[in-house]
PDB file of N, CA and C in Angstrom:
ATOM      1  N   MET A   1      93.000 151.884  53.475  1.00  0.00           N
ATOM      2  CA  MET A   1      93.017 151.049  54.663  1.00  0.00           C
ATOM      3  C   MET A   1      91.589 150.605  54.983  1.00  0.00           C
ATOM      4  N   SER A   2      91.362 149.298  55.122  1.00  0.00           N
ATOM      5  CA  SER A   2      90.017 148.807  55.396  1.00  0.00           C
ATOM      6  C   SER A   2      89.709 148.909  56.885  1.00  0.00           C
ATOM      7  N   GLU A   3      88.430 149.165  57.167  1.00  0.00           N
ATOM      8  CA  GLU A   3      87.998 149.279  58.551  1.00  0.00           C
ATOM      9  C   GLU A   3      87.564 147.916  59.064  1.00  0.00           C
ATOM     10  N   LEU A   4      87.764 147.681  60.351  1.00  0.00           N
ATOM     11  CA  LEU A   4      87.338 146.433  60.965  1.00  0.00           C
ATOM     12  C   LEU A   4      85.841 146.490  61.240  1.00  0.00           C
ATOM     13  N   PRO A   5      85.138 145.346  61.116  1.00  0.00           N
ATOM     14  CA  PRO A   5      83.701 145.354  61.402  1.00  0.00           C
ATOM     15  C   PRO A   5      83.445 145.591  62.882  1.00  0.00           C
ATOM     16  N   GLU A   6      82.322 146.263  63.152  1.00  0.00           N
ATOM     17  CA  GLU A   6      81.978 146.529  64.548  1.00  0.00           C
ATOM     18  C   GLU A   6      81.606 145.249  65.269  1.00  0.00           C
ATOM     19  N   LYS A   7      81.814 145.253  66.574  1.00  0.00           N
ATOM     20  CA  LYS A   7      81.493 144.096  67.415  1.00  0.00           C
ATOM     21  C   LYS A   7      79.986 143.937  67.526  1.00  0.00           C
ATOM     22  N   THR A   8      79.507 142.707  67.418  1.00  0.00           N
ATOM     23  CA  THR A   8      78.103 142.396  67.623  1.00  0.00           C
ATOM     24  C   THR A   8      77.935 141.987  69.079  1.00  0.00           C
ATOM     25  N   ILE A   9      77.171 142.744  69.823  1.00  0.00           N
ATOM     26  CA  ILE A   9      76.947 142.449  71.242  1.00  0.00           C
ATOM     27  C   ILE A   9      75.581 141.786  71.394  1.00  0.00           C
ATOM     28  N   PHE A  10      75.578 140.583  71.945  1.00  0.00           N
ATOM     29  CA  PHE A  10      74.337 139.888  72.242  1.00  0.00           C
ATOM     30  C   PHE A  10      74.094 139.997  73.736  1.00  0.00           C
ATOM     31  N   PRO A  11      72.830 140.045  74.161  1.00  0.00           N
ATOM     32  CA  PRO A  11      72.575 140.074  75.603  1.00  0.00           C
ATOM     33  C   PRO A  11      73.170 138.819  76.245  1.00  0.00           C
ATOM     34  N   LEU A  12      73.934 139.003  77.284  1.00  0.00           N
ATOM     35  CA  LEU A  12      74.593 137.895  77.972  1.00  0.00           C
ATOM     36  C   LEU A  12      73.842 137.588  79.255  1.00  0.00           C
ATOM     37  N   ASP A  13      73.402 136.354  79.426  1.00  0.00           N
ATOM     38  CA  ASP A  13      72.693 135.919  80.620  1.00  0.00           C
ATOM     39  C   ASP A  13      73.628 135.016  81.412  1.00  0.00           C
ATOM     40  N   LEU A  14      74.197 135.559  82.476  1.00  0.00           N
ATOM     41  CA  LEU A  14      75.176 134.805  83.259  1.00  0.00           C
ATOM     42  C   LEU A  14      74.548 133.772  84.180  1.00  0.00           C
ATOM     43  N   THR A  15      73.209 133.669  84.172  1.00  0.00           N
ATOM     44  CA  THR A  15      72.564 132.593  84.931  1.00  0.00           C
ATOM     45  C   THR A  15      72.508 131.313  84.095  1.00  0.00           C
ATOM     46  N   LYS A  16      72.890 131.421  82.820  1.00  0.00           N
ATOM     47  CA  LYS A  16      72.918 130.269  81.916  1.00  0.00           C
ATOM     48  C   LYS A  16      74.368 129.972  81.542  1.00  0.00           C
ATOM     49  N   PRO A  17      74.644 128.761  81.030  1.00  0.00           N
ATOM     50  CA  PRO A  17      76.017 128.413  80.655  1.00  0.00           C
ATOM     51  C   PRO A  17      76.578 129.375  79.603  1.00  0.00           C
ATOM     52  N   VAL A  18      77.882 129.663  79.738  1.00  0.00           N
ATOM     53  CA  VAL A  18      78.563 130.547  78.799  1.00  0.00           C
ATOM     54  C   VAL A  18      79.785 129.860  78.210  1.00  0.00           C
ATOM     55  N   GLN A  19      80.237 130.397  77.086  1.00  0.00           N
ATOM     56  CA  GLN A  19      81.441 129.917  76.426  1.00  0.00           C
ATOM     57  C   GLN A  19      82.075 131.100  75.711  1.00  0.00           C
ATOM     58  N   THR A  20      83.292 130.907  75.234  1.00  0.00           N
ATOM     59  CA  THR A  20      83.904 131.934  74.405  1.00  0.00           C
ATOM     60  C   THR A  20      83.314 131.831  73.004  1.00  0.00           C
ATOM     61  N   ARG A  21      83.464 132.875  72.210  1.00  0.00           N
ATOM     62  CA  ARG A  21      82.947 132.844  70.835  1.00  0.00           C
ATOM     63  C   ARG A  21      83.514 131.667  70.051  1.00  0.00           C
ATOM     64  N   ASP A  22      84.755 131.269  70.368  1.00  0.00           N
ATOM     65  CA  ASP A  22      85.358 130.153  69.628  1.00  0.00           C
ATOM     66  C   ASP A  22      85.037 128.794  70.240  1.00  0.00           C
ATOM     67  N   GLY A  23      84.101 128.740  71.200  1.00  0.00           N
ATOM     68  CA  GLY A  23      83.558 127.471  71.666  1.00  0.00           C
ATOM     69  C   GLY A  23      84.133 126.873  72.932  1.00  0.00           C
ATOM     70  N   HIS A  24      85.055 127.550  73.617  1.00  0.00           N
ATOM     71  CA  HIS A  24      85.593 127.011  74.876  1.00  0.00           C
ATOM     72  C   HIS A  24      84.605 127.283  76.015  1.00  0.00           C
ATOM     73  N   LYS A  25      84.298 126.249  76.773  1.00  0.00           N
ATOM     74  CA  LYS A  25      83.414 126.429  77.921  1.00  0.00           C
ATOM     75  C   LYS A  25      84.106 127.312  78.949  1.00  0.00           C
ATOM     76  N   VAL A  26      83.291 128.095  79.670  1.00  0.00           N
ATOM     77  CA  VAL A  26      83.820 129.001  80.694  1.00  0.00           C
ATOM     78  C   VAL A  26      83.037 128.795  81.970  1.00  0.00           C
ATOM     79  N   ARG A  27      83.787 128.643  83.066  1.00  0.00           N
ATOM     80  CA  ARG A  27      83.179 128.538  84.402  1.00  0.00           C
ATOM     81  C   ARG A  27      83.353 129.889  85.081  1.00  0.00           C
ATOM     82  N   ILE A  28      82.228 130.584  85.326  1.00  0.00           N
ATOM     83  CA  ILE A  28      82.267 131.914  85.929  1.00  0.00           C
ATOM     84  C   ILE A  28      82.557 131.782  87.423  1.00  0.00           C
ATOM     85  N   LEU A  29      83.562 132.532  87.891  1.00  0.00           N
ATOM     86  CA  LEU A  29      83.916 132.534  89.315  1.00  0.00           C
ATOM     87  C   LEU A  29      83.240 133.691  90.050  1.00  0.00           C
ATOM     88  N   CYS A  30      83.223 134.872  89.424  1.00  0.00           N
ATOM     89  CA  CYS A  30      82.525 136.009  90.029  1.00  0.00           C
ATOM     90  C   CYS A  30      82.201 137.035  88.955  1.00  0.00           C
ATOM     91  N   THR A  31      81.253 137.900  89.271  1.00  0.00           N
ATOM     92  CA  THR A  31      80.840 138.941  88.321  1.00  0.00           C
ATOM     93  C   THR A  31      81.005 140.338  88.916  1.00  0.00           C
ATOM     94  N   ASP A  32      81.677 140.414  90.059  1.00  0.00           N
ATOM     95  CA  ASP A  32      81.841 141.720  90.718  1.00  0.00           C
ATOM     96  C   ASP A  32      83.289 142.000  91.096  1.00  0.00           C
ATOM     97  N   ALA A  33      84.215 141.528  90.279  1.00  0.00           N
ATOM     98  CA  ALA A  33      85.635 141.748  90.568  1.00  0.00           C
ATOM     99  C   ALA A  33      85.961 143.239  90.492  1.00  0.00           C
ATOM    100  N   ARG A  34      86.917 143.645  91.262  1.00  0.00           N
ATOM    101  CA  ARG A  34      87.362 145.048  91.277  1.00  0.00           C
ATOM    102  C   ARG A  34      88.613 145.161  90.405  1.00  0.00           C
ATOM    103  N   ARG A  35      88.380 145.106  89.086  1.00  0.00           N
ATOM    104  CA  ARG A  35      89.466 145.175  88.104  1.00  0.00           C
ATOM    105  C   ARG A  35      89.156 146.235  87.051  1.00  0.00           C
ATOM    106  N   GLY A  36      88.690 147.379  87.476  1.00  0.00           N
ATOM    107  CA  GLY A  36      88.305 148.404  86.510  1.00  0.00           C
ATOM    108  C   GLY A  36      87.068 147.949  85.751  1.00  0.00           C
ATOM    109  N   GLU A  37      87.130 147.956  84.406  1.00  0.00           N
ATOM    110  CA  GLU A  37      85.978 147.552  83.593  1.00  0.00           C
ATOM    111  C   GLU A  37      85.794 146.041  83.554  1.00  0.00           C
ATOM    112  N   GLU A  38      86.809 145.279  83.869  1.00  0.00           N
ATOM    113  CA  GLU A  38      86.735 143.817  83.795  1.00  0.00           C
ATOM    114  C   GLU A  38      86.206 143.263  85.109  1.00  0.00           C
ATOM    115  N   THR A  39      84.877 143.100  85.173  1.00  0.00           N
ATOM    116  CA  THR A  39      84.243 142.671  86.420  1.00  0.00           C
ATOM    117  C   THR A  39      83.929 141.178  86.455  1.00  0.00           C
ATOM    118  N   ILE A  40      84.006 140.508  85.308  1.00  0.00           N
ATOM    119  CA  ILE A  40      83.718 139.071  85.253  1.00  0.00           C
ATOM    120  C   ILE A  40      85.034 138.305  85.264  1.00  0.00           C
ATOM    121  N   VAL A  41      85.125 137.330  86.164  1.00  0.00           N
ATOM    122  CA  VAL A  41      86.307 136.470  86.248  1.00  0.00           C
ATOM    123  C   VAL A  41      85.840 135.028  86.076  1.00  0.00           C
ATOM    124  N   GLY A  42      86.537 134.282  85.222  1.00  0.00           N
ATOM    125  CA  GLY A  42      86.150 132.903  84.992  1.00  0.00           C
ATOM    126  C   GLY A  42      87.321 132.046  84.564  1.00  0.00           C
ATOM    127  N   LEU A  43      87.080 130.744  84.479  1.00  0.00           N
ATOM    128  CA  LEU A  43      88.086 129.794  84.017  1.00  0.00           C
ATOM    129  C   LEU A  43      87.666 129.254  82.653  1.00  0.00           C
ATOM    130  N   ILE A  44      88.582 129.366  81.702  1.00  0.00           N
ATOM    131  CA  ILE A  44      88.351 128.886  80.343  1.00  0.00           C
ATOM    132  C   ILE A  44      88.859 127.451  80.267  1.00  0.00           C
ATOM    133  N   MET A  45      88.000 126.527  79.824  1.00  0.00           N
ATOM    134  CA  MET A  45      88.360 125.110  79.714  1.00  0.00           C
ATOM    135  C   MET A  45      88.897 124.819  78.317  1.00  0.00           C
ATOM    136  N   TYR A  46      90.101 124.256  78.266  1.00  0.00           N
ATOM    137  CA  TYR A  46      90.705 123.899  76.984  1.00  0.00           C
ATOM    138  C   TYR A  46      90.568 122.401  76.729  1.00  0.00           C
ATOM    139  N   ALA A  47      90.769 121.991  75.486  1.00  0.00           N
ATOM    140  CA  ALA A  47      90.562 120.602  75.064  1.00  0.00           C
ATOM    141  C   ALA A  47      91.430 119.622  75.851  1.00  0.00           C
ATOM    142  N   ASN A  48      92.599 120.057  76.307  1.00  0.00           N
ATOM    143  CA  ASN A  48      93.500 119.175  77.051  1.00  0.00           C
ATOM    144  C   ASN A  48      93.099 119.039  78.524  1.00  0.00           C
ATOM    145  N   GLY A  49      91.973 119.671  78.909  1.00  0.00           N
ATOM    146  CA  GLY A  49      91.496 119.582  80.286  1.00  0.00           C
ATOM    147  C   GLY A  49      92.023 120.668  81.197  1.00  0.00           C
ATOM    148  N   MET A  50      92.968 121.443  80.735  1.00  0.00           N
ATOM    149  CA  MET A  50      93.527 122.528  81.543  1.00  0.00           C
ATOM    150  C   MET A  50      92.588 123.727  81.516  1.00  0.00           C
ATOM    151  N   GLU A  51      92.654 124.531  82.568  1.00  0.00           N
ATOM    152  CA  GLU A  51      91.861 125.755  82.647  1.00  0.00           C
ATOM    153  C   GLU A  51      92.796 126.952  82.744  1.00  0.00           C
ATOM    154  N   ALA A  52      92.355 128.065  82.178  1.00  0.00           N
ATOM    155  CA  ALA A  52      93.124 129.305  82.261  1.00  0.00           C
ATOM    156  C   ALA A  52      92.206 130.409  82.761  1.00  0.00           C
ATOM    157  N   LEU A  53      92.749 131.298  83.547  1.00  0.00           N
ATOM    158  CA  LEU A  53      91.983 132.407  84.099  1.00  0.00           C
ATOM    159  C   LEU A  53      91.710 133.437  83.004  1.00  0.00           C
ATOM    160  N   GLY A  54      90.483 133.949  82.979  1.00  0.00           N
ATOM    161  CA  GLY A  54      90.117 134.998  82.030  1.00  0.00           C
ATOM    162  C   GLY A  54      89.294 136.052  82.720  1.00  0.00           C
ATOM    163  N   THR A  55      89.369 137.268  82.199  1.00  0.00           N
ATOM    164  CA  THR A  55      88.554 138.364  82.727  1.00  0.00           C
ATOM    165  C   THR A  55      87.848 139.039  81.563  1.00  0.00           C
ATOM    166  N   TRP A  56      86.629 139.529  81.838  1.00  0.00           N
ATOM    167  CA  TRP A  56      85.805 140.139  80.804  1.00  0.00           C
ATOM    168  C   TRP A  56      85.080 141.349  81.370  1.00  0.00           C
ATOM    169  N   LYS A  57      84.659 142.233  80.483  1.00  0.00           N
ATOM    170  CA  LYS A  57      83.808 143.357  80.876  1.00  0.00           C
ATOM    171  C   LYS A  57      82.409 142.817  81.185  1.00  0.00           C
ATOM    172  N   ALA A  58      81.570 143.624  81.784  1.00  0.00           N
ATOM    173  CA  ALA A  58      80.231 143.195  82.210  1.00  0.00           C
ATOM    174  C   ALA A  58      79.374 142.710  81.038  1.00  0.00           C
ATOM    175  N   ASP A  59      79.641 143.210  79.826  1.00  0.00           N
ATOM    176  CA  ASP A  59      78.862 142.764  78.668  1.00  0.00           C
ATOM    177  C   ASP A  59      79.451 141.517  78.017  1.00  0.00           C
ATOM    178  N   GLY A  60      80.526 140.953  78.593  1.00  0.00           N
ATOM    179  CA  GLY A  60      81.151 139.754  78.062  1.00  0.00           C
ATOM    180  C   GLY A  60      82.309 140.026  77.119  1.00  0.00           C
ATOM    181  N   SER A  61      82.602 141.297  76.870  1.00  0.00           N
ATOM    182  CA  SER A  61      83.701 141.645  75.966  1.00  0.00           C
ATOM    183  C   SER A  61      85.046 141.293  76.606  1.00  0.00           C
ATOM    184  N   TYR A  62      85.912 140.670  75.815  1.00  0.00           N
ATOM    185  CA  TYR A  62      87.257 140.347  76.282  1.00  0.00           C
ATOM    186  C   TYR A  62      88.207 141.497  75.994  1.00  0.00           C
ATOM    187  N   SER A  63      87.973 142.154  74.897  1.00  0.00           N
ATOM    188  CA  SER A  63      88.874 143.200  74.441  1.00  0.00           C
ATOM    189  C   SER A  63      88.203 144.556  74.559  1.00  0.00           C
ATOM    190  N   VAL A  64      88.992 145.576  74.805  1.00  0.00           N
ATOM    191  CA  VAL A  64      88.445 146.933  74.847  1.00  0.00           C
ATOM    192  C   VAL A  64      88.237 147.478  73.444  1.00  0.00           C
ATOM    193  N   MET A  65      88.763 146.771  72.440  1.00  0.00           N
ATOM    194  CA  MET A  65      88.564 147.217  71.061  1.00  0.00           C
ATOM    195  C   MET A  65      87.103 147.019  70.674  1.00  0.00           C
ATOM    196  N   LEU A  66      86.664 147.719  69.663  1.00  0.00           N
ATOM    197  CA  LEU A  66      85.265 147.658  69.249  1.00  0.00           C
ATOM    198  C   LEU A  66      85.026 146.599  68.183  1.00  0.00           C
ATOM    199  N   VAL A  67      85.858 145.558  68.164  1.00  0.00           N
ATOM    200  CA  VAL A  67      85.680 144.453  67.226  1.00  0.00           C
ATOM    201  C   VAL A  67      85.516 143.162  68.018  1.00  0.00           C
ATOM    202  N   GLU A  68      84.898 142.165  67.384  1.00  0.00           N
ATOM    203  CA  GLU A  68      84.684 140.880  68.049  1.00  0.00           C
ATOM    204  C   GLU A  68      86.012 140.194  68.312  1.00  0.00           C
ATOM    205  N   SER A  69      86.046 139.462  69.415  1.00  0.00           N
ATOM    206  CA  SER A  69      87.208 138.647  69.767  1.00  0.00           C
ATOM    207  C   SER A  69      86.737 137.211  69.959  1.00  0.00           C
ATOM    208  N   ASP A  70      87.563 136.242  69.580  1.00  0.00           N
ATOM    209  CA  ASP A  70      87.241 134.839  69.827  1.00  0.00           C
ATOM    210  C   ASP A  70      87.084 134.557  71.312  1.00  0.00           C
ATOM    211  N   SER A  71      87.600 135.453  72.152  1.00  0.00           N
ATOM    212  CA  SER A  71      87.544 135.249  73.601  1.00  0.00           C
ATOM    213  C   SER A  71      86.361 135.933  74.271  1.00  0.00           C
ATOM    214  N   ASP A  72      85.531 136.659  73.510  1.00  0.00           N
ATOM    215  CA  ASP A  72      84.322 137.254  74.089  1.00  0.00           C
ATOM    216  C   ASP A  72      83.423 136.148  74.639  1.00  0.00           C
ATOM    217  N   LEU A  73      82.657 136.466  75.675  1.00  0.00           N
ATOM    218  CA  LEU A  73      81.699 135.513  76.229  1.00  0.00           C
ATOM    219  C   LEU A  73      80.375 135.585  75.474  1.00  0.00           C
ATOM    220  N   ILE A  74      79.780 134.418  75.250  1.00  0.00           N
ATOM    221  CA  ILE A  74      78.430 134.312  74.714  1.00  0.00           C
ATOM    222  C   ILE A  74      77.721 133.196  75.466  1.00  0.00           C
ATOM    223  N   ASN A  75      76.406 133.200  75.453  1.00  0.00           N
ATOM    224  CA  ASN A  75      75.677 132.074  76.028  1.00  0.00           C
ATOM    225  C   ASN A  75      75.835 130.857  75.124  1.00  0.00           C
ATOM    226  N   VAL A  76      75.898 129.686  75.731  1.00  0.00           N
ATOM    227  CA  VAL A  76      76.020 128.448  74.959  1.00  0.00           C
ATOM    228  C   VAL A  76      74.768 128.317  74.097  1.00  0.00           C
ATOM    229  N   PRO A  77      74.929 128.191  72.774  1.00  0.00           N
ATOM    230  CA  PRO A  77      73.750 128.072  71.909  1.00  0.00           C
ATOM    231  C   PRO A  77      72.964 126.809  72.205  1.00  0.00           C
ATOM    232  N   ARG A  78      71.649 126.892  72.021  1.00  0.00           N
ATOM    233  CA  ARG A  78      70.818 125.700  72.168  1.00  0.00           C
ATOM    234  C   ARG A  78      71.178 124.727  71.048  1.00  0.00           C
ATOM    235  N   PRO A  79      71.156 123.442  71.343  1.00  0.00           N
ATOM    236  CA  PRO A  79      71.448 122.478  70.276  1.00  0.00           C
ATOM    237  C   PRO A  79      70.364 122.533  69.205  1.00  0.00           C
ATOM    238  N   LYS A  80      70.795 122.429  67.962  1.00  0.00           N
ATOM    239  CA  LYS A  80      69.843 122.434  66.854  1.00  0.00           C
ATOM    240  C   LYS A  80      69.371 121.010  66.603  1.00  0.00           C
ATOM    241  N   LYS A  81      68.104 120.903  66.252  1.00  0.00           N
ATOM    242  CA  LYS A  81      67.515 119.615  65.918  1.00  0.00           C
ATOM    243  C   LYS A  81      67.288 119.579  64.419  1.00  0.00           C
ATOM    244  N   LYS A  82      67.396 118.391  63.841  1.00  0.00           N
ATOM    245  CA  LYS A  82      67.159 118.221  62.414  1.00  0.00           C
ATOM    246  C   LYS A  82      65.919 117.371  62.213  1.00  0.00           C
ATOM    247  N   VAL A  83      65.174 117.701  61.185  1.00  0.00           N
ATOM    248  CA  VAL A  83      64.005 116.915  60.827  1.00  0.00           C
ATOM    249  C   VAL A  83      63.926 116.874  59.302  1.00  0.00           C
ATOM    250  N   LYS A  84      63.531 115.726  58.784  1.00  0.00           N
ATOM    251  CA  LYS A  84      63.284 115.589  57.350  1.00  0.00           C
ATOM    252  C   LYS A  84      61.777 115.582  57.138  1.00  0.00           C
ATOM    253  N   VAL A  85      61.341 116.390  56.170  1.00  0.00           N
ATOM    254  CA  VAL A  85      59.916 116.499  55.866  1.00  0.00           C
ATOM    255  C   VAL A  85      59.717 116.180  54.393  1.00  0.00           C
ATOM    256  N   ASP A  86      58.763 115.306  54.114  1.00  0.00           N
ATOM    257  CA  ASP A  86      58.380 115.011  52.735  1.00  0.00           C
ATOM    258  C   ASP A  86      57.225 115.932  52.363  1.00  0.00           C
ATOM    259  N   VAL A  87      57.308 116.508  51.188  1.00  0.00           N
ATOM    260  CA  VAL A  87      56.266 117.400  50.690  1.00  0.00           C
ATOM    261  C   VAL A  87      55.825 116.861  49.334  1.00  0.00           C
ATOM    262  N   ALA A  88      54.520 116.850  49.098  1.00  0.00           N
ATOM    263  CA  ALA A  88      53.998 116.357  47.813  1.00  0.00           C
ATOM    264  C   ALA A  88      52.761 117.155  47.427  1.00  0.00           C
ATOM    265  N   ILE A  89      52.462 117.122  46.140  1.00  0.00           N
ATOM    266  CA  ILE A  89      51.257 117.758  45.612  1.00  0.00           C
ATOM    267  C   ILE A  89      50.515 116.704  44.798  1.00  0.00           C
ATOM    268  N   THR A  90      49.215 116.590  45.052  1.00  0.00           N
ATOM    269  CA  THR A  90      48.386 115.667  44.265  1.00  0.00           C
ATOM    270  C   THR A  90      47.348 116.464  43.493  1.00  0.00           C
ATOM    271  N   LEU A  91      46.885 115.863  42.412  1.00  0.00           N
ATOM    272  CA  LEU A  91      45.854 116.475  41.578  1.00  0.00           C
ATOM    273  C   LEU A  91      44.509 115.879  41.980  1.00  0.00           C
ATOM    274  N   ASN A  92      43.602 116.735  42.422  1.00  0.00           N
ATOM    275  CA  ASN A  92      42.263 116.292  42.811  1.00  0.00           C
ATOM    276  C   ASN A  92      41.422 116.005  41.563  1.00  0.00           C
ATOM    277  N   THR A  93      40.324 115.289  41.733  1.00  0.00           N
ATOM    278  CA  THR A  93      39.448 114.943  40.601  1.00  0.00           C
ATOM    279  C   THR A  93      38.810 116.172  39.968  1.00  0.00           C
ATOM    280  N   ASP A  94      38.689 117.269  40.737  1.00  0.00           N
ATOM    281  CA  ASP A  94      38.106 118.493  40.171  1.00  0.00           C
ATOM    282  C   ASP A  94      39.145 119.385  39.503  1.00  0.00           C
ATOM    283  N   GLY A  95      40.392 118.898  39.382  1.00  0.00           N
ATOM    284  CA  GLY A  95      41.444 119.659  38.711  1.00  0.00           C
ATOM    285  C   GLY A  95      42.237 120.582  39.610  1.00  0.00           C
ATOM    286  N   THR A  96      41.910 120.632  40.897  1.00  0.00           N
ATOM    287  CA  THR A  96      42.681 121.457  41.827  1.00  0.00           C
ATOM    288  C   THR A  96      43.815 120.630  42.418  1.00  0.00           C
ATOM    289  N   TYR A  97      44.777 121.330  42.972  1.00  0.00           N
ATOM    290  CA  TYR A  97      45.933 120.658  43.591  1.00  0.00           C
ATOM    291  C   TYR A  97      45.790 120.673  45.101  1.00  0.00           C
ATOM    292  N   TYR A  98      46.322 119.649  45.740  1.00  0.00           N
ATOM    293  CA  TYR A  98      46.278 119.561  47.205  1.00  0.00           C
ATOM    294  C   TYR A  98      47.690 119.306  47.721  1.00  0.00           C
ATOM    295  N   PRO A  99      48.170 120.173  48.642  1.00  0.00           N
ATOM    296  CA  PRO A  99      49.511 119.963  49.202  1.00  0.00           C
ATOM    297  C   PRO A  99      49.487 118.971  50.368  1.00  0.00           C
ATOM    298  N   TRP A 100      50.526 118.175  50.461  1.00  0.00           N
ATOM    299  CA  TRP A 100      50.683 117.201  51.537  1.00  0.00           C
ATOM    300  C   TRP A 100      52.051 117.400  52.173  1.00  0.00           C
ATOM    301  N   SER A 101      52.158 117.118  53.462  1.00  0.00           N
ATOM    302  CA  SER A 101      53.470 117.100  54.114  1.00  0.00           C
ATOM    303  C   SER A 101      53.428 116.142  55.291  1.00  0.00           C
ATOM    304  N   LYS A 102      54.591 115.594  55.597  1.00  0.00           N
ATOM    305  CA  LYS A 102      54.710 114.670  56.727  1.00  0.00           C
ATOM    306  C   LYS A 102      56.183 114.545  57.077  1.00  0.00           C
ATOM    307  N   ARG A 103      56.466 114.069  58.271  1.00  0.00           N
ATOM    308  CA  ARG A 103      57.840 113.714  58.620  1.00  0.00           C
ATOM    309  C   ARG A 103      58.247 112.521  57.780  1.00  0.00           C
ATOM    310  N   SER A 104      59.494 112.491  57.375  1.00  0.00           N
ATOM    311  CA  SER A 104      59.956 111.408  56.505  1.00  0.00           C
ATOM    312  C   SER A 104      59.796 110.037  57.139  1.00  0.00           C
ATOM    313  N   SER A 105      59.802 109.976  58.459  1.00  0.00           N
ATOM    314  CA  SER A 105      59.693 108.689  59.148  1.00  0.00           C
ATOM    315  C   SER A 105      58.254 108.155  59.180  1.00  0.00           C
ATOM    316  N   ASP A 106      57.274 109.005  58.834  1.00  0.00           N
ATOM    317  CA  ASP A 106      55.869 108.588  58.843  1.00  0.00           C
ATOM    318  C   ASP A 106      55.462 108.110  57.445  1.00  0.00           C
ATOM    319  N   SER A 107      54.375 107.332  57.386  1.00  0.00           N
ATOM    320  CA  SER A 107      53.891 106.892  56.073  1.00  0.00           C
ATOM    321  C   SER A 107      52.871 107.903  55.552  1.00  0.00           C
ATOM    322  N   TRP A 108      52.672 107.908  54.247  1.00  0.00           N
ATOM    323  CA  TRP A 108      51.707 108.824  53.643  1.00  0.00           C
ATOM    324  C   TRP A 108      50.277 108.428  53.975  1.00  0.00           C
ATOM    325  N   GLY A 109      50.026 107.171  54.122  1.00  0.00           N
ATOM    326  CA  GLY A 109      48.655 106.731  54.374  1.00  0.00           C
ATOM    327  C   GLY A 109      47.923 106.493  53.069  1.00  0.00           C
ATOM    328  N   PRO A 110      46.706 105.946  53.146  1.00  0.00           N
ATOM    329  CA  PRO A 110      45.993 105.528  51.934  1.00  0.00           C
ATOM    330  C   PRO A 110      45.389 106.678  51.119  1.00  0.00           C
ATOM    331  N   LEU A 111      45.241 107.873  51.692  1.00  0.00           N
ATOM    332  CA  LEU A 111      44.568 108.958  50.978  1.00  0.00           C
ATOM    333  C   LEU A 111      45.458 109.614  49.923  1.00  0.00           C
ATOM    334  N   MET A 112      46.760 109.624  50.127  1.00  0.00           N
ATOM    335  CA  MET A 112      47.655 110.308  49.203  1.00  0.00           C
ATOM    336  C   MET A 112      48.113 109.332  48.130  1.00  0.00           C
ATOM    337  N   THR A 113      47.609 109.526  46.915  1.00  0.00           N
ATOM    338  CA  THR A 113      47.985 108.651  45.800  1.00  0.00           C
ATOM    339  C   THR A 113      48.415 109.493  44.609  1.00  0.00           C
ATOM    340  N   ASN A 114      49.297 108.957  43.813  1.00  0.00           N
ATOM    341  CA  ASN A 114      49.733 109.586  42.561  1.00  0.00           C
ATOM    342  C   ASN A 114      50.152 111.049  42.712  1.00  0.00           C
ATOM    343  N   PRO A 115      51.219 111.323  43.443  1.00  0.00           N
ATOM    344  CA  PRO A 115      51.653 112.719  43.555  1.00  0.00           C
ATOM    345  C   PRO A 115      52.118 113.263  42.206  1.00  0.00           C
ATOM    346  N   VAL A 116      51.795 114.525  41.953  1.00  0.00           N
ATOM    347  CA  VAL A 116      52.243 115.215  40.749  1.00  0.00           C
ATOM    348  C   VAL A 116      53.707 115.616  40.918  1.00  0.00           C
ATOM    349  N   ALA A 117      54.074 116.010  42.142  1.00  0.00           N
ATOM    350  CA  ALA A 117      55.450 116.395  42.462  1.00  0.00           C
ATOM    351  C   ALA A 117      55.695 116.064  43.920  1.00  0.00           C
ATOM    352  N   SER A 118      56.943 115.726  44.251  1.00  0.00           N
ATOM    353  CA  SER A 118      57.286 115.469  45.650  1.00  0.00           C
ATOM    354  C   SER A 118      58.781 115.705  45.849  1.00  0.00           C
ATOM    355  N   THR A 119      59.137 116.024  47.081  1.00  0.00           N
ATOM    356  CA  THR A 119      60.537 116.230  47.442  1.00  0.00           C
ATOM    357  C   THR A 119      60.684 116.050  48.945  1.00  0.00           C
ATOM    358  N   THR A 120      61.918 115.917  49.389  1.00  0.00           N
ATOM    359  CA  THR A 120      62.226 115.844  50.819  1.00  0.00           C
ATOM    360  C   THR A 120      63.037 117.067  51.197  1.00  0.00           C
ATOM    361  N   ILE A 121      62.660 117.704  52.283  1.00  0.00           N
ATOM    362  CA  ILE A 121      63.343 118.895  52.780  1.00  0.00           C
ATOM    363  C   ILE A 121      63.935 118.561  54.141  1.00  0.00           C
ATOM    364  N   GLU A 122      65.208 118.897  54.344  1.00  0.00           N
ATOM    365  CA  GLU A 122      65.832 118.727  55.657  1.00  0.00           C
ATOM    366  C   GLU A 122      65.944 120.098  56.302  1.00  0.00           C
ATOM    367  N   MET A 123      65.415 120.226  57.521  1.00  0.00           N
ATOM    368  CA  MET A 123      65.401 121.511  58.214  1.00  0.00           C
ATOM    369  C   MET A 123      66.082 121.386  59.570  1.00  0.00           C
ATOM    370  N   GLU A 124      66.690 122.481  60.023  1.00  0.00           N
ATOM    371  CA  GLU A 124      67.235 122.572  61.379  1.00  0.00           C
ATOM    372  C   GLU A 124      66.404 123.594  62.140  1.00  0.00           C
ATOM    373  N   TYR A 125      66.199 123.330  63.424  1.00  0.00           N
ATOM    374  CA  TYR A 125      65.460 124.281  64.253  1.00  0.00           C
ATOM    375  C   TYR A 125      65.932 124.180  65.688  1.00  0.00           C
ATOM    376  N   GLU A 126      65.620 125.224  66.467  1.00  0.00           N
ATOM    377  CA  GLU A 126      65.924 125.245  67.897  1.00  0.00           C
ATOM    378  C   GLU A 126      64.614 125.276  68.649  1.00  0.00           C
ATOM    379  N   ASP A 127      64.539 124.515  69.740  1.00  0.00           N
ATOM    380  CA  ASP A 127      63.369 124.609  70.606  1.00  0.00           C
ATOM    381  C   ASP A 127      63.354 125.989  71.243  1.00  0.00           C
ATOM    382  N   GLN A 128      62.186 126.583  71.331  1.00  0.00           N
ATOM    383  CA  GLN A 128      62.049 127.891  71.960  1.00  0.00           C
ATOM    384  C   GLN A 128      61.853 127.695  73.459  1.00  0.00           C
ATOM    385  N   PRO A 129      62.384 128.629  74.257  1.00  0.00           N
ATOM    386  CA  PRO A 129      62.244 128.474  75.731  1.00  0.00           C
ATOM    387  C   PRO A 129      60.807 128.585  76.188  1.00  0.00           C
TER     388      PRO A 129
END
């Protein structure tokens, strides 16, 4: 019999927007409900515009089981940004190599000539708070 993976608990900041693990937005109504371990009460927004009442433990867990649930609360992830970067290497007159990089939308300029190798890299990143 295979064991279920343990739940990954991330710090939940209820002063910031939250959603369920499966991406449904949640509007928090209160965080001090008198429902035993389930102290968070909120409305889950579904694609059809309807809302359903949900309750969670203080850490955002939906289930008392020790495995992740699609209904657990998490903070809404920051949107990821994409950038394309061109990277090139040129051979200097003294036989050494010089690395170059720039955003793909920028020009190389007059100094970078005859690259020995070049490629474009697409990266995703999140702005840090």
